[in-house]
N, C-alpha and C. Protein backbone atom coordinates (compact mmCIF):
# COMPACT_ATOMS: atom_id res chain seq x y z
N MET A 1 -14.18 -19.02 28.46
CA MET A 1 -13.42 -18.76 27.02
C MET A 1 -12.45 -18.05 26.82
N ASP A 2 -11.64 -17.14 26.05
CA ASP A 2 -10.23 -16.74 26.44
C ASP A 2 -10.75 -15.14 27.20
N ALA A 3 -10.14 -14.77 27.99
CA ALA A 3 -10.28 -13.25 28.62
C ALA A 3 -9.95 -12.13 26.83
N VAL A 4 -9.25 -12.40 26.61
CA VAL A 4 -9.01 -11.24 25.63
C VAL A 4 -10.06 -11.16 24.33
N HIS A 5 -10.40 -12.52 24.15
CA HIS A 5 -11.90 -12.22 23.48
C HIS A 5 -12.81 -11.73 24.08
N ASP A 6 -13.45 -11.78 25.66
CA ASP A 6 -14.41 -11.20 26.22
C ASP A 6 -14.11 -9.49 26.49
N ASP A 7 -13.09 -8.97 26.32
CA ASP A 7 -12.97 -8.01 26.43
C ASP A 7 -12.47 -6.74 25.40
N PRO A 8 -13.19 -6.21 24.91
CA PRO A 8 -13.30 -5.10 23.99
C PRO A 8 -12.19 -4.35 23.80
N SER A 9 -12.05 -3.60 25.20
CA SER A 9 -11.03 -3.02 24.93
C SER A 9 -9.29 -3.67 24.72
N ALA A 10 -9.37 -4.97 25.58
CA ALA A 10 -8.20 -6.06 25.31
C ALA A 10 -8.01 -6.17 23.74
N ILE A 11 -8.79 -6.34 23.08
CA ILE A 11 -9.14 -6.93 21.55
C ILE A 11 -8.71 -5.25 20.99
N ALA A 12 -9.51 -3.93 21.17
CA ALA A 12 -9.02 -2.83 20.25
C ALA A 12 -7.24 -2.74 20.74
N SER A 13 -6.89 -2.55 21.64
CA SER A 13 -5.24 -2.95 22.32
C SER A 13 -4.62 -3.47 20.98
N LEU A 14 -5.14 -4.77 20.87
CA LEU A 14 -4.39 -5.50 20.42
C LEU A 14 -4.31 -5.15 18.57
N LEU A 15 -5.71 -4.75 18.44
CA LEU A 15 -5.58 -4.25 16.71
C LEU A 15 -4.50 -3.43 16.71
N ARG A 16 -4.53 -2.05 17.58
CA ARG A 16 -3.81 -0.97 17.61
C ARG A 16 -2.13 -1.80 17.69
N ALA A 17 -1.93 -2.56 18.46
CA ALA A 17 -0.89 -3.03 18.29
C ALA A 17 -0.21 -3.34 17.05
N ARG A 18 -1.14 -3.93 16.45
CA ARG A 18 -1.04 -4.89 15.21
C ARG A 18 -0.92 -4.24 13.93
N TYR A 19 -1.42 -3.03 14.04
CA TYR A 19 -1.50 -1.34 12.59
C TYR A 19 0.14 -0.42 13.17
N LYS A 20 0.37 -0.71 14.68
CA LYS A 20 1.35 0.39 14.67
C LYS A 20 2.35 -0.51 14.50
N GLN A 21 2.36 -1.68 14.39
CA GLN A 21 4.15 -2.43 14.28
C GLN A 21 4.65 -2.20 12.64
N ARG A 22 3.11 -1.99 12.14
CA ARG A 22 3.61 -2.20 10.02
C ARG A 22 3.96 -0.40 9.82
N LEU A 23 3.48 0.69 10.53
CA LEU A 23 3.93 1.85 10.52
C LEU A 23 5.36 2.24 10.23
N PRO A 24 4.98 3.22 8.64
CA PRO A 24 6.24 3.77 8.04
C PRO A 24 7.08 4.67 8.91
N SER A 25 8.27 5.10 9.46
CA SER A 25 8.61 5.87 10.23
C SER A 25 8.55 7.19 9.85
N THR A 26 8.12 7.53 8.29
CA THR A 26 7.13 8.79 8.30
C THR A 26 6.36 8.48 7.10
N LEU A 27 5.83 9.85 6.61
CA LEU A 27 4.87 9.92 6.04
C LEU A 27 5.37 9.52 4.42
N ASN A 28 7.22 10.30 4.12
CA ASN A 28 8.18 10.34 3.14
C ASN A 28 8.17 9.26 2.74
N GLU A 29 7.83 7.66 3.26
CA GLU A 29 8.36 6.67 2.96
C GLU A 29 7.33 5.86 1.83
N LEU A 30 5.99 6.54 2.13
CA LEU A 30 5.18 6.31 1.33
C LEU A 30 5.25 6.88 -0.33
N THR A 31 6.08 5.95 -1.12
CA THR A 31 6.10 6.65 -2.27
C THR A 31 5.59 5.51 -3.92
N GLY A 32 3.80 5.21 -3.26
CA GLY A 32 3.35 4.64 -4.22
C GLY A 32 3.09 5.14 -5.60
N PRO A 33 2.45 4.62 -6.76
CA PRO A 33 2.16 5.15 -7.70
C PRO A 33 0.89 6.86 -7.03
N GLU A 34 0.93 7.94 -7.95
CA GLU A 34 0.81 8.61 -7.74
C GLU A 34 -0.96 8.64 -9.03
N HIS A 35 -0.74 7.86 -10.43
CA HIS A 35 -1.62 7.30 -11.55
C HIS A 35 -1.74 6.26 -12.03
N GLY A 36 -2.53 5.91 -12.88
CA GLY A 36 -2.25 4.26 -14.00
C GLY A 36 -2.88 3.80 -12.66
N MET A 37 -2.69 2.46 -13.29
CA MET A 37 -3.37 1.05 -12.76
C MET A 37 -2.20 0.36 -12.04
N VAL A 38 -2.61 0.13 -10.66
CA VAL A 38 -2.12 -0.78 -9.39
C VAL A 38 -3.01 -2.18 -9.45
N GLU A 39 -1.96 -3.17 -9.20
CA GLU A 39 -2.90 -4.24 -9.20
C GLU A 39 -1.83 -4.79 -7.67
N LEU A 40 -2.93 -5.16 -6.66
CA LEU A 40 -2.57 -5.79 -5.48
C LEU A 40 -2.56 -7.26 -5.12
N PRO A 41 -1.20 -7.08 -4.18
CA PRO A 41 -0.93 -9.30 -4.45
C PRO A 41 -2.31 -9.70 -3.56
N LEU A 42 -2.24 -10.78 -3.87
CA LEU A 42 -3.22 -11.64 -2.81
C LEU A 42 -3.14 -11.40 -1.45
N HIS A 43 -2.14 -11.41 -0.99
CA HIS A 43 -2.27 -11.10 0.75
C HIS A 43 -3.03 -10.25 0.78
N ILE A 44 -2.96 -9.03 -0.20
CA ILE A 44 -3.77 -7.57 1.16
C ILE A 44 -5.20 -8.05 -0.04
N ALA A 45 -5.13 -8.39 -1.21
CA ALA A 45 -6.94 -8.24 -1.65
C ALA A 45 -6.85 -9.65 -2.03
N TRP A 46 -7.31 -10.42 -1.41
CA TRP A 46 -8.17 -11.74 -1.67
C TRP A 46 -9.33 -11.97 -2.04
N SER A 47 -10.21 -11.21 -1.91
CA SER A 47 -11.11 -11.25 -2.95
C SER A 47 -11.80 -10.12 -3.22
N GLY A 48 -12.87 -9.61 -4.51
CA GLY A 48 -12.83 -9.16 -5.62
C GLY A 48 -11.70 -8.46 -6.30
N LEU A 49 -12.43 -7.08 -6.33
CA LEU A 49 -11.21 -6.38 -7.34
C LEU A 49 -9.75 -6.36 -6.86
N ARG A 50 -8.97 -6.54 -7.81
CA ARG A 50 -7.51 -6.54 -6.97
C ARG A 50 -6.60 -5.66 -7.80
N THR A 51 -7.18 -4.90 -9.41
CA THR A 51 -6.45 -4.24 -9.93
C THR A 51 -7.32 -2.82 -10.20
N LEU A 52 -6.79 -2.01 -9.98
CA LEU A 52 -6.94 -0.42 -10.08
C LEU A 52 -6.96 0.38 -10.04
N ASP A 53 -7.63 1.92 -10.59
CA ASP A 53 -7.34 3.07 -11.35
C ASP A 53 -7.05 3.87 -10.34
N LEU A 54 -6.47 4.15 -10.48
CA LEU A 54 -5.96 5.62 -9.37
C LEU A 54 -6.92 6.89 -9.65
N GLY A 55 -7.28 6.56 -11.29
CA GLY A 55 -7.60 8.15 -11.66
C GLY A 55 -9.23 7.73 -11.30
N LEU A 56 -9.74 7.11 -10.69
CA LEU A 56 -11.27 6.98 -10.47
C LEU A 56 -10.96 6.96 -8.91
N PRO A 57 -11.43 7.88 -8.46
CA PRO A 57 -11.84 7.90 -7.16
C PRO A 57 -11.99 7.28 -6.69
N ARG A 58 -13.41 6.15 -6.43
CA ARG A 58 -13.72 4.90 -6.04
C ARG A 58 -13.12 4.35 -6.00
N GLN A 59 -11.94 3.92 -6.92
CA GLN A 59 -11.25 2.77 -6.71
C GLN A 59 -9.82 3.21 -6.19
N ARG A 60 -9.91 4.64 -6.47
CA ARG A 60 -8.43 5.23 -5.62
C ARG A 60 -8.58 5.16 -3.73
N MET A 61 -9.64 4.98 -3.62
CA MET A 61 -10.30 5.35 -2.23
C MET A 61 -10.45 3.80 -1.37
N SER A 62 -10.89 2.90 -2.45
CA SER A 62 -11.05 1.23 -2.21
C SER A 62 -9.51 0.67 -1.42
N LEU A 63 -8.27 1.32 -2.85
CA LEU A 63 -7.15 1.13 -2.94
C LEU A 63 -6.59 1.23 -1.54
N TYR A 64 -6.66 2.60 -0.91
CA TYR A 64 -6.25 3.20 0.34
C TYR A 64 -6.64 2.40 1.09
N ARG A 65 -8.13 2.06 1.51
CA ARG A 65 -9.00 1.39 2.31
C ARG A 65 -7.91 -0.06 2.53
N THR A 66 -8.39 -0.50 1.93
CA THR A 66 -7.78 -2.33 1.55
C THR A 66 -6.32 -1.93 2.54
N VAL A 67 -5.49 -1.50 1.56
CA VAL A 67 -3.94 -1.30 1.97
C VAL A 67 -3.82 -0.62 3.54
N LEU A 68 -4.16 0.16 3.99
CA LEU A 68 -4.59 -0.15 5.14
C LEU A 68 -4.21 -0.84 6.33
N ALA A 69 -5.82 -1.63 5.66
CA ALA A 69 -6.05 -2.59 6.96
C ALA A 69 -5.30 -3.38 6.46
N GLU A 70 -5.12 -4.26 5.35
CA GLU A 70 -4.22 -5.24 5.31
C GLU A 70 -2.80 -5.33 5.05
N GLY A 71 -2.15 -3.94 4.33
CA GLY A 71 -1.00 -4.13 3.86
C GLY A 71 -0.09 -4.58 5.05
N MET A 72 1.42 -4.72 4.94
CA MET A 72 2.48 -5.19 6.09
C MET A 72 3.35 -3.41 5.97
N ARG A 73 4.26 -2.96 6.35
CA ARG A 73 4.86 -1.98 5.91
C ARG A 73 5.47 -1.97 4.57
N ASP A 74 6.11 -2.63 4.22
CA ASP A 74 6.54 -2.51 2.61
C ASP A 74 5.18 -2.48 1.78
N ASP A 75 4.23 -2.79 2.35
CA ASP A 75 3.14 -2.55 1.36
C ASP A 75 2.68 -1.13 1.48
N LEU A 76 2.47 -0.61 2.41
CA LEU A 76 2.15 0.54 2.70
C LEU A 76 3.26 1.68 1.62
N CYS A 77 4.22 1.33 1.84
CA CYS A 77 5.35 2.21 1.56
C CYS A 77 5.24 1.83 -0.22
N ARG A 78 4.92 0.92 -0.69
CA ARG A 78 5.13 0.13 -2.02
C ARG A 78 3.61 0.94 -2.83
N PHE A 79 2.92 0.73 -2.04
CA PHE A 79 1.34 1.75 -2.56
C PHE A 79 0.32 2.35 -2.39
N LEU A 80 1.12 3.15 -1.11
CA LEU A 80 0.20 4.42 -0.73
C LEU A 80 1.41 5.49 -1.09
N ASN A 81 0.71 6.60 -1.54
CA ASN A 81 1.74 7.70 -1.78
C ASN A 81 1.03 8.86 -0.57
N ARG A 82 2.18 9.36 -0.26
CA ARG A 82 2.00 10.60 0.65
C ARG A 82 1.09 11.27 0.36
N ASP A 83 1.32 12.12 -0.67
CA ASP A 83 0.21 13.02 -1.17
C ASP A 83 -1.24 13.19 -1.37
N ILE A 84 -1.19 11.73 -1.69
CA ILE A 84 -2.49 10.88 -2.08
C ILE A 84 -3.21 10.88 -0.89
N LEU A 85 -2.65 10.33 0.05
CA LEU A 85 -2.75 9.77 1.64
C LEU A 85 -3.48 11.16 2.30
N LEU A 86 -2.72 12.45 2.09
CA LEU A 86 -3.09 13.42 2.72
C LEU A 86 -4.38 14.32 2.07
N GLU A 87 -4.46 13.98 0.97
CA GLU A 87 -5.49 14.28 -0.05
C GLU A 87 -6.52 13.72 0.70
N LEU A 88 -6.84 12.47 0.65
CA LEU A 88 -7.89 11.60 0.96
C LEU A 88 -8.31 11.67 2.31
N TRP A 89 -7.33 11.33 3.51
CA TRP A 89 -7.46 11.15 4.64
C TRP A 89 -8.28 12.15 5.23
N PRO A 90 -9.36 13.45 4.23
CA PRO A 90 -10.63 13.87 5.79
C PRO A 90 -11.88 13.14 5.19
N VAL A 91 -12.11 11.93 3.94
CA VAL A 91 -12.85 11.24 3.85
C VAL A 91 -12.84 9.86 4.31
N LEU A 92 -11.68 9.67 4.24
CA LEU A 92 -10.48 8.22 4.26
C LEU A 92 -10.82 7.98 5.77
N HIS A 93 -10.51 8.88 7.21
CA HIS A 93 -10.36 8.60 8.45
C HIS A 93 -11.37 7.91 8.28
N LYS A 94 -13.02 8.42 7.93
CA LYS A 94 -14.49 8.01 8.26
C LYS A 94 -14.30 6.43 7.82
N LEU A 95 -13.80 6.06 6.83
CA LEU A 95 -14.26 4.82 6.21
C LEU A 95 -13.52 3.52 7.01
N ILE A 96 -11.92 3.91 7.67
CA ILE A 96 -11.52 2.85 8.04
C ILE A 96 -11.80 2.35 9.67
N SER A 97 -11.27 1.48 10.07
CA SER A 97 -11.38 1.12 11.05
C SER A 97 -10.93 2.24 12.17
N ARG A 98 -11.41 2.38 13.68
CA ARG A 98 -11.26 3.27 14.52
C ARG A 98 -9.62 3.01 15.10
N ALA A 99 -9.19 1.48 15.03
CA ALA A 99 -7.81 1.22 15.30
C ALA A 99 -7.14 1.79 14.19
N ILE A 100 -7.23 1.76 13.35
CA ILE A 100 -6.11 2.07 11.73
C ILE A 100 -6.14 3.59 12.34
N LYS A 101 -6.89 4.23 12.17
CA LYS A 101 -7.07 5.34 12.25
C LYS A 101 -6.59 5.81 13.52
N ASP A 102 -6.84 5.98 14.63
CA ASP A 102 -6.10 6.36 15.75
C ASP A 102 -4.85 6.10 15.78
N VAL A 103 -4.05 4.87 15.51
CA VAL A 103 -3.03 4.43 15.60
C VAL A 103 -2.02 5.62 14.14
N TRP A 104 -2.77 5.72 13.27
CA TRP A 104 -1.95 6.74 12.19
C TRP A 104 -1.98 8.44 12.57
N GLU A 105 -3.50 8.75 13.42
CA GLU A 105 -3.63 10.40 13.48
C GLU A 105 -2.19 10.29 14.53
N GLU A 106 -2.17 9.45 15.77
CA GLU A 106 -1.49 9.63 16.66
C GLU A 106 -0.01 9.58 16.15
N ALA A 107 0.80 8.80 15.13
CA ALA A 107 1.80 8.55 14.56
C ALA A 107 2.23 10.00 13.72
N PHE A 108 1.43 10.52 13.27
CA PHE A 108 1.46 11.56 12.08
C PHE A 108 0.54 12.63 12.68
N PRO A 109 0.90 13.36 13.35
CA PRO A 109 -0.33 14.32 13.75
C PRO A 109 -0.31 15.35 12.06
N GLU A 110 0.38 15.22 11.11
CA GLU A 110 -0.21 16.17 9.95
C GLU A 110 -1.34 15.44 9.46
N LEU A 111 -1.85 13.98 10.27
CA LEU A 111 -3.27 13.79 9.30
C LEU A 111 -4.57 13.73 10.02
N ARG A 112 -4.22 14.44 11.27
CA ARG A 112 -5.15 15.11 11.91
C ARG A 112 -6.31 16.01 11.84
N PRO A 113 -7.54 16.27 11.50
CA PRO A 113 -8.10 17.51 11.39
C PRO A 113 -7.72 18.65 12.07
């Protein structure tokens, strides 16, 4: 077996590195829409609902969870909005993976509780 696959800390480290390389330089780069319908591309949302309404709280949360997990840097900047991310973070950080949460909170202290 591959040593990385057998070592949870190595897997966690790889995941953190993966998410860290996707981060914007600042939260101000997150200039995504504040309202309306958003259609996510297939490389982000390959199954399930792809068109989400930012006016519906569950769909807004779903969009942010999906983009944080699957989006590349350009996707993060295009689909996420700084103010909405800050508003959602107190709940959102409980719904995303530990690796994503840790990377974002280390890079952007304003997200920390």
